[in-house]
Each structure stands twice: as C-alpha cells, then as structure tokens.
C-alpha cells in the first residue's frame, strides 16, 4: 500500500490550513485533510470555568489511512511541513475559523495558544498527561459559545481537533506490504447491495461521506479490505448499533442506510471475530468494551 508525504505548495492558490474543526470521528477525503481518529488522541482538558480545549492538531510522521478513487493508501506530514503549516495558519489570521464536523461554521471559538513540541519530556502537554512526539503542533482553543460547550463538549460528542486545508502529494512514494481480507459473509455483501439498490432509485439524500459510499461499493463487490478498514468498520458499527431498531427503514433518515452501507449487523459480528482472530483484541478487552458500549446505549436511550 502506498505511503504518501503531504507537503505545502506555497505557490499554489489553495494551500495550508484554513480552519480547525471540532469533531467526533473525522474522515479524510480527497486532498482535504481531517485528522483525529487515526491519532486516537482526545482533548486533554475541559475546563468548566476557562472553557479551553487543548490537544494536538498535527502529529509528525503519523500515517493516516485514506480511501480515494477506489484506492487505499496512507499519508503523513513531516516535522518541517507541520511547523510551516502552523506558522501560516496564524500569519493568515485563521485562528477564529472553526467548524463542527467540517460542516457547520461556528462562532465564538478561537485558537488562543499554538506551539510546536520541541522537547517531549519538558513540554507543557505533559501537564495534561499527553506524551506527544517532537514536532507535534499543539493548540489551545477558547470556547465562547454556550451551545457548543453544553451540547457538544460537555456531552463528549466531540473528542478532538481536525484540520481543514489543502496540501500537495510529494512525488516520492514507498510501498508497504499489508494483509487484506475478503472472507466476510454473504450477509455483509447483501446489506451493501441493498443500500446501493435503494440509492440507485432514491439517491443518497445527503447521507454519508464519500468513504461510506465507497465502502458500500467495495463490500457489495466482495473486495478485500485492510486491517485498518476492519477496525474502522467495527468502531462505526458498534457505536451506532443502538441507534437502530427493527422498524427502522432507509427512508427514515441516514442511520439505517449508512449502517448497512458498512455491512450492517453481519459486518459487526464478522469484524469483531476477525479482530479477535488477528490478536487486535482479546476476549477480556472485548468483554470490557462490550460492557462500555452497552452502558453507553443505555445512557443515551
């Protein structure tokens, strides 16, 4: 699988970081950069009085999964690119540009502190229990928006920062050997096929991201998927299982449609068992995770 370095092209009209979004589970589409899920880092602090969020915006040399045009690959940023992108973000006065899930423009959110980790052992991020590598871009964001703080931050609906911007692909690419798997059951394929049959007649209706739509096509064809994709599948399906009931149909909104686009309940069971088989999760950790998932379902009823 290709690993591509993303770099700044300062001569291009569109380049660098335009805004920072607060998100639950960002995805990466086209040359639009949205990082967080792959970093698996959440906000370090939610201060009820100061209303500050602190966390990494970019981590150097961290490979980020992407699926575009039917091709799976990884991208990453060097320390040099991250440092320059952070500088341009402030130089261009973009610190008040923020969004929710890369969609809704937000008012009252501002980056009030920005720095590059120079010494991981002595860095301020250690005060918040974060161990960031050298070259990480850290930001602190002030939330002067009551609704955003109450409905999204305090509830845990958003968990990290995600950058918005454009970068160029560096020419030199390397290949890594990665195992892929196509032994998922017919139930997974059939769920994805039903979604595609429905949208052929009715359209997507504004539902889903390009990644979710591509996943439906991929599963319907029985194509092999990577371990990273299986992890994403299990994460998405397990979190949204409680949102559905037997009476839910595709016409009721996006939930059931996108759930089956990822293979539905058949894919949830298969992905769980496959991750067990590959040693990514053990029975004990899975039991704990299942308990947490069930507790969250009960809480949000």
Protein backbone atom coordinates (compact mmCIF):
# COMPACT_ATOMS: atom_id res chain seq x y z
CA UNK A 1 0.00 0.00 0.00
CA UNK A 2 1.30 3.47 -0.87
CA UNK A 3 2.52 5.87 1.78
CA UNK A 4 2.47 9.48 0.55
CA UNK A 5 4.02 12.51 2.19
CA UNK A 6 1.80 15.60 2.07
CA UNK A 7 3.69 18.87 1.65
CA UNK A 8 2.95 22.59 1.33
CA UNK A 9 2.97 24.19 -2.09
CA UNK A 10 3.21 27.85 -1.10
CA UNK A 11 2.94 28.96 -4.73
CA UNK A 12 -0.48 27.34 -5.09
CA UNK A 13 -3.61 29.42 -4.64
CA UNK A 14 -5.05 27.00 -2.09
CA UNK A 15 -2.56 25.59 0.39
CA UNK A 16 -2.11 25.20 4.12
CA UNK A 17 -4.67 25.12 6.91
CA UNK A 18 -7.79 27.28 6.73
CA UNK A 19 -9.63 26.23 9.88
CA UNK A 20 -9.72 23.82 12.79
CA UNK A 21 -12.80 21.68 13.29
CA UNK A 22 -14.00 20.03 16.49
CA UNK A 23 -15.08 16.51 15.64
CA UNK A 24 -16.05 13.11 16.96
CA UNK A 25 -14.69 10.92 14.19
CA UNK A 26 -13.09 12.76 11.29
CA UNK A 27 -12.53 11.13 7.93
CA UNK A 28 -10.08 12.02 5.17
CA UNK A 29 -11.41 12.65 1.69
CA UNK A 30 -9.60 13.84 -1.44
CA UNK A 31 -6.85 16.37 -0.57
CA UNK A 32 -8.98 17.69 2.24
CA UNK A 33 -7.16 16.90 5.48
CA UNK A 34 -9.10 15.83 8.54
CA UNK A 35 -7.06 14.13 11.23
CA UNK A 36 -8.02 12.79 14.59
CA UNK A 37 -9.47 9.31 14.57
CA UNK A 38 -6.22 7.85 13.34
CA UNK A 39 -4.32 9.72 16.04
CA UNK A 40 -6.54 8.31 18.79
CA UNK A 41 -5.97 11.37 20.96
CA UNK A 42 -8.78 13.21 22.73
CA UNK A 43 -8.97 16.68 24.21
CA UNK A 44 -6.66 16.94 27.18
CA UNK A 45 -8.81 19.27 29.24
CA UNK A 46 -12.32 20.57 29.51
CA UNK A 47 -12.17 23.43 31.97
CA UNK A 48 -15.70 24.46 33.01
CA UNK A 49 -14.52 27.93 34.03
CA UNK A 50 -11.91 28.76 31.41
CA UNK A 51 -13.64 26.76 28.67
CA UNK A 52 -10.41 25.78 26.97
CA UNK A 53 -9.76 22.74 24.85
CA UNK A 54 -6.20 21.56 24.37
CA UNK A 55 -4.84 18.92 22.12
CA UNK A 56 -2.70 18.05 19.08
CA UNK A 57 -3.67 19.41 15.69
CA UNK A 58 -0.97 17.51 13.75
CA UNK A 59 1.48 14.77 14.72
CA UNK A 60 4.61 14.30 12.56
CA UNK A 61 5.25 11.08 10.64
CA UNK A 62 1.92 9.66 11.75
CA UNK A 63 0.42 7.55 8.94
CA UNK A 64 -3.22 8.36 8.26
CA UNK A 65 -5.47 5.99 6.33
CA UNK A 66 -7.19 7.28 3.19
CA UNK A 67 -9.55 5.75 0.65
CA UNK A 68 -9.95 7.65 -2.61
CA UNK A 69 -10.99 6.66 -6.10
CA UNK A 70 -11.16 3.01 -5.17
CA UNK A 71 -7.59 3.04 -3.83
CA UNK A 72 -6.39 2.62 -0.25
CA UNK A 73 -3.23 4.40 0.89
CA UNK A 74 -1.65 6.31 3.75
CA UNK A 75 -0.47 9.91 4.08
CA UNK A 76 1.77 11.64 6.61
CA UNK A 77 3.28 15.04 7.43
CA UNK A 78 6.92 15.77 8.24
CA UNK A 79 8.02 18.00 11.12
CA UNK A 80 9.06 20.67 8.64
CA UNK A 81 5.65 20.76 6.93
CA UNK A 82 3.78 20.84 10.23
CA UNK A 83 5.87 23.73 11.55
CA UNK A 84 5.35 25.80 8.41
CA UNK A 85 1.62 25.00 8.26
CA UNK A 86 1.22 26.13 11.88
CA UNK A 87 3.06 29.37 11.12
CA UNK A 88 0.92 30.14 8.07
CA UNK A 89 -2.27 29.37 9.98
CA UNK A 90 -1.53 32.24 12.38
CA UNK A 91 0.12 34.55 9.85
CA UNK A 92 -3.04 34.48 7.75
CA UNK A 93 -5.26 35.23 10.75
CA UNK A 94 -7.19 31.97 10.64
CA UNK A 95 -7.31 31.42 14.41
CA UNK A 96 -11.02 32.34 14.58
CA UNK A 97 -12.01 29.94 11.81
CA UNK A 98 -13.68 26.87 13.28
CA UNK A 99 -16.30 24.34 12.27
CA UNK A 100 -18.26 21.44 13.71
CA UNK A 101 -17.61 18.12 11.95
CA UNK A 102 -16.25 20.07 8.95
CA UNK A 103 -19.78 21.22 8.12
CA UNK A 104 -21.30 23.88 10.37
CA UNK A 105 -19.42 27.16 10.72
CA UNK A 106 -19.03 28.05 14.40
CA UNK A 107 -18.88 31.41 16.11
CA UNK A 108 -17.09 32.11 19.38
CA UNK A 109 -14.28 29.56 19.06
CA UNK A 110 -10.70 30.82 18.79
CA UNK A 111 -7.23 29.30 18.93
CA UNK A 112 -5.61 31.24 21.75
CA UNK A 113 -2.39 29.26 22.06
CA UNK A 114 -0.28 27.43 19.50
CA UNK A 115 3.13 25.78 19.81
CA UNK A 116 5.38 23.08 18.41
CA UNK A 117 6.65 20.41 20.79
CA UNK A 118 10.43 20.87 20.96
CA UNK A 119 11.30 18.69 23.96
CA UNK A 120 8.75 15.91 24.60
CA UNK A 121 9.91 15.41 28.18
CA UNK A 122 9.69 19.09 29.13
CA UNK A 123 6.72 20.12 27.02
CA UNK A 124 3.62 21.73 28.54
CA UNK A 125 1.45 18.93 27.15
CA UNK A 126 2.91 16.63 29.82
CA UNK A 127 0.96 18.58 32.42
CA UNK A 128 -2.20 17.14 30.89
CA UNK A 129 -0.98 13.56 30.68
CA UNK A 130 -0.16 13.76 26.99
CA UNK A 131 3.06 12.32 25.53
CA UNK A 132 3.46 13.99 22.17
CA UNK A 133 6.47 13.38 19.89
CA UNK A 134 8.84 16.17 18.87
CA UNK A 135 7.39 18.33 16.14
CA UNK A 136 3.73 17.93 17.16
CA UNK A 137 1.56 21.01 16.67
CA UNK A 138 -0.40 21.68 19.85
CA UNK A 139 -3.28 24.13 20.12
CA UNK A 140 -5.49 25.51 22.86
CA UNK A 141 -8.96 26.66 21.83
CA UNK A 142 -11.25 29.04 23.74
CA UNK A 143 -14.95 28.16 23.53
CA UNK A 144 -17.07 31.29 23.99
CA UNK A 145 -20.17 29.60 22.62
CA UNK A 146 -22.63 28.36 25.24
CA UNK A 147 -24.45 25.95 22.95
CA UNK A 148 -21.28 24.35 21.63
CA UNK A 149 -19.88 23.93 25.13
CA UNK A 150 -23.08 22.49 26.57
CA UNK A 151 -24.28 20.32 23.67
CA UNK A 152 -21.02 19.06 22.21
CA UNK A 153 -18.06 19.47 24.57
CA UNK A 154 -19.64 18.57 27.92
CA UNK A 155 -21.55 15.65 26.40
CA UNK A 156 -18.41 14.23 24.83
CA UNK A 157 -19.93 14.44 21.36
CA UNK A 158 -16.67 15.95 20.08
CA UNK A 159 -13.36 14.44 21.06
CA UNK A 160 -10.56 16.11 19.17
CA UNK A 161 -9.28 18.64 16.68
CA UNK A 162 -9.25 18.12 12.95
CA UNK A 163 -7.56 20.44 10.49
CA UNK A 164 -9.08 21.76 7.29
CA UNK A 165 -6.85 22.64 4.38
CA UNK A 166 -5.10 21.62 1.20
CA UNK A 167 -1.71 20.02 0.66
CA UNK A 168 0.21 18.61 -2.28
CA UNK A 169 1.29 14.98 -2.69
CA UNK A 170 5.04 14.55 -2.68
CA UNK A 171 6.24 12.63 -5.73
CA UNK A 172 8.30 10.03 -3.91
CA UNK A 173 6.17 7.18 -2.58
CA UNK A 174 7.03 3.92 -0.87
CA UNK A 175 5.24 0.60 -0.72
CA UNK A 176 4.46 -1.43 2.37
CA UNK A 177 3.04 -4.92 2.37
CA UNK A 178 -0.27 -5.09 4.16
CA UNK A 179 -2.61 -8.04 4.52
CA UNK A 180 -6.18 -7.67 3.29
CA UNK A 181 -9.24 -9.82 3.91
CA UNK A 182 -12.27 -10.78 1.82
CA UNK A 183 -13.67 -13.64 3.91
CA UNK A 184 -16.65 -11.69 5.21
CA UNK A 185 -20.00 -13.50 4.88
CA UNK A 186 -22.63 -13.02 2.16
CA UNK A 187 -24.76 -11.12 4.68
CA UNK A 188 -22.24 -8.27 4.59
CA UNK A 189 -22.29 -8.14 0.80
CA UNK A 190 -26.07 -8.36 0.65
CA UNK A 191 -26.55 -5.47 3.09
CA UNK A 192 -24.28 -3.27 0.99
CA UNK A 193 -26.06 -4.37 -2.21
CA UNK A 194 -29.45 -3.43 -0.75
CA UNK A 195 -28.14 0.03 0.05
CA UNK A 196 -26.85 0.52 -3.50
CA UNK A 197 -30.16 -0.70 -4.97
CA UNK A 198 -32.03 1.77 -2.77
CA UNK A 199 -29.85 4.78 -3.61
CA UNK A 200 -29.98 3.96 -7.33
CA UNK A 201 -33.72 4.68 -7.15
CA UNK A 202 -33.84 7.26 -4.38
CA UNK A 203 -30.37 8.80 -4.14
CA UNK A 204 -28.28 9.22 -1.00
CA UNK A 205 -30.45 12.08 0.25
CA UNK A 206 -27.48 13.92 1.68
CA UNK A 207 -26.46 10.92 3.79
CA UNK A 208 -22.95 9.66 4.35
CA UNK A 209 -19.44 10.65 3.36
CA UNK A 210 -17.54 9.57 0.27
CA UNK A 211 -15.77 7.00 2.43
CA UNK A 212 -19.06 5.39 3.48
CA UNK A 213 -20.35 5.35 -0.10
CA UNK A 214 -17.11 3.82 -1.37
CA UNK A 215 -17.28 1.23 1.39
CA UNK A 216 -20.73 0.11 0.23
CA UNK A 217 -19.42 -0.38 -3.31
CA UNK A 218 -16.36 -2.19 -2.03
CA UNK A 219 -18.32 -4.62 0.16
CA UNK A 220 -21.02 -5.25 -2.43
CA UNK A 221 -18.31 -6.39 -4.86
CA UNK A 222 -16.68 -8.61 -2.24
CA UNK A 223 -13.37 -6.77 -2.45
CA UNK A 224 -10.62 -7.39 0.10
CA UNK A 225 -10.32 -4.81 2.90
CA UNK A 226 -7.35 -3.90 5.07
CA UNK A 227 -6.97 -4.37 8.81
CA UNK A 228 -7.32 -0.62 9.25
CA UNK A 229 -10.65 -0.74 7.42
CA UNK A 230 -11.84 -3.61 9.61
CA UNK A 231 -11.03 -1.54 12.70
CA UNK A 232 -12.96 1.41 11.28
CA UNK A 233 -15.86 -0.91 10.43
CA UNK A 234 -16.06 -2.34 13.94
CA UNK A 235 -15.76 1.10 15.54
CA UNK A 236 -18.53 2.61 13.40
CA UNK A 237 -20.95 -0.31 13.63
CA UNK A 238 -20.55 -0.91 17.37
CA UNK A 239 -21.11 2.76 18.18
CA UNK A 240 -24.26 3.06 16.10
CA UNK A 241 -25.87 -0.32 16.73
CA UNK A 242 -28.07 1.10 19.49
CA UNK A 243 -29.44 3.80 17.17
CA UNK A 244 -31.44 1.23 15.18
CA UNK A 245 -34.47 -0.94 15.83
CA UNK A 246 -36.42 -3.50 13.80
CA UNK A 247 -38.81 -0.85 12.47
CA UNK A 248 -36.08 1.40 11.06
CA UNK A 249 -36.00 1.73 7.27
CA UNK A 250 -33.76 3.51 4.77
CA UNK A 251 -36.39 6.20 4.28
CA UNK A 252 -36.32 7.14 7.98
CA UNK A 253 -33.05 9.02 7.67
CA UNK A 254 -29.35 8.31 7.34
CA UNK A 255 -28.83 5.90 10.24
CA UNK A 256 -30.01 2.58 8.80
CA UNK A 257 -28.78 3.46 5.31
CA UNK A 258 -25.19 4.14 6.35
CA UNK A 259 -25.19 1.29 8.88
CA UNK A 260 -25.89 -1.21 6.12
CA UNK A 261 -23.51 0.61 3.77
CA UNK A 262 -20.80 -0.59 6.17
CA UNK A 263 -22.21 -4.14 6.07
CA UNK A 264 -24.78 -3.92 8.87
CA UNK A 265 -25.04 -6.37 11.77
CA UNK A 266 -23.40 -9.12 9.74
CA UNK A 267 -20.31 -6.94 9.41
CA UNK A 268 -20.34 -6.08 13.11
CA UNK A 269 -20.11 -9.75 14.08
CA UNK A 270 -17.53 -10.55 11.41
CA UNK A 271 -15.29 -7.57 12.21
CA UNK A 272 -15.37 -8.38 15.93
CA UNK A 273 -14.38 -12.00 15.31
CA UNK A 274 -11.73 -11.03 12.76
CA UNK A 275 -10.08 -8.59 15.17
CA UNK A 276 -10.08 -11.32 17.83
CA UNK A 277 -8.54 -13.75 15.35
CA UNK A 278 -5.81 -11.28 14.39
CA UNK A 279 -4.94 -10.57 18.01
CA UNK A 280 -6.04 -6.95 17.84
CA UNK A 281 -8.41 -7.51 20.73
CA UNK A 282 -8.57 -10.32 23.28
CA UNK A 283 -11.62 -11.79 24.96
CA UNK A 284 -11.08 -9.84 28.16
CA UNK A 285 -10.64 -6.48 26.45
CA UNK A 286 -13.62 -7.22 24.21
CA UNK A 287 -15.80 -8.03 27.18
CA UNK A 288 -14.89 -4.72 28.78
CA UNK A 289 -15.50 -2.86 25.51
CA UNK A 290 -18.88 -4.58 25.03
CA UNK A 291 -19.90 -3.60 28.55
CA UNK A 292 -18.95 0.02 27.87
CA UNK A 293 -20.86 0.03 24.60
CA UNK A 294 -23.97 -1.39 26.26
CA UNK A 295 -23.68 1.16 29.06
CA UNK A 296 -23.49 4.00 26.53
CA UNK A 297 -26.52 2.65 24.70
CA UNK A 298 -28.49 2.57 27.95
CA UNK A 299 -27.35 6.09 28.88
CA UNK A 300 -28.35 7.65 25.56
CA UNK A 301 -31.79 5.97 25.33
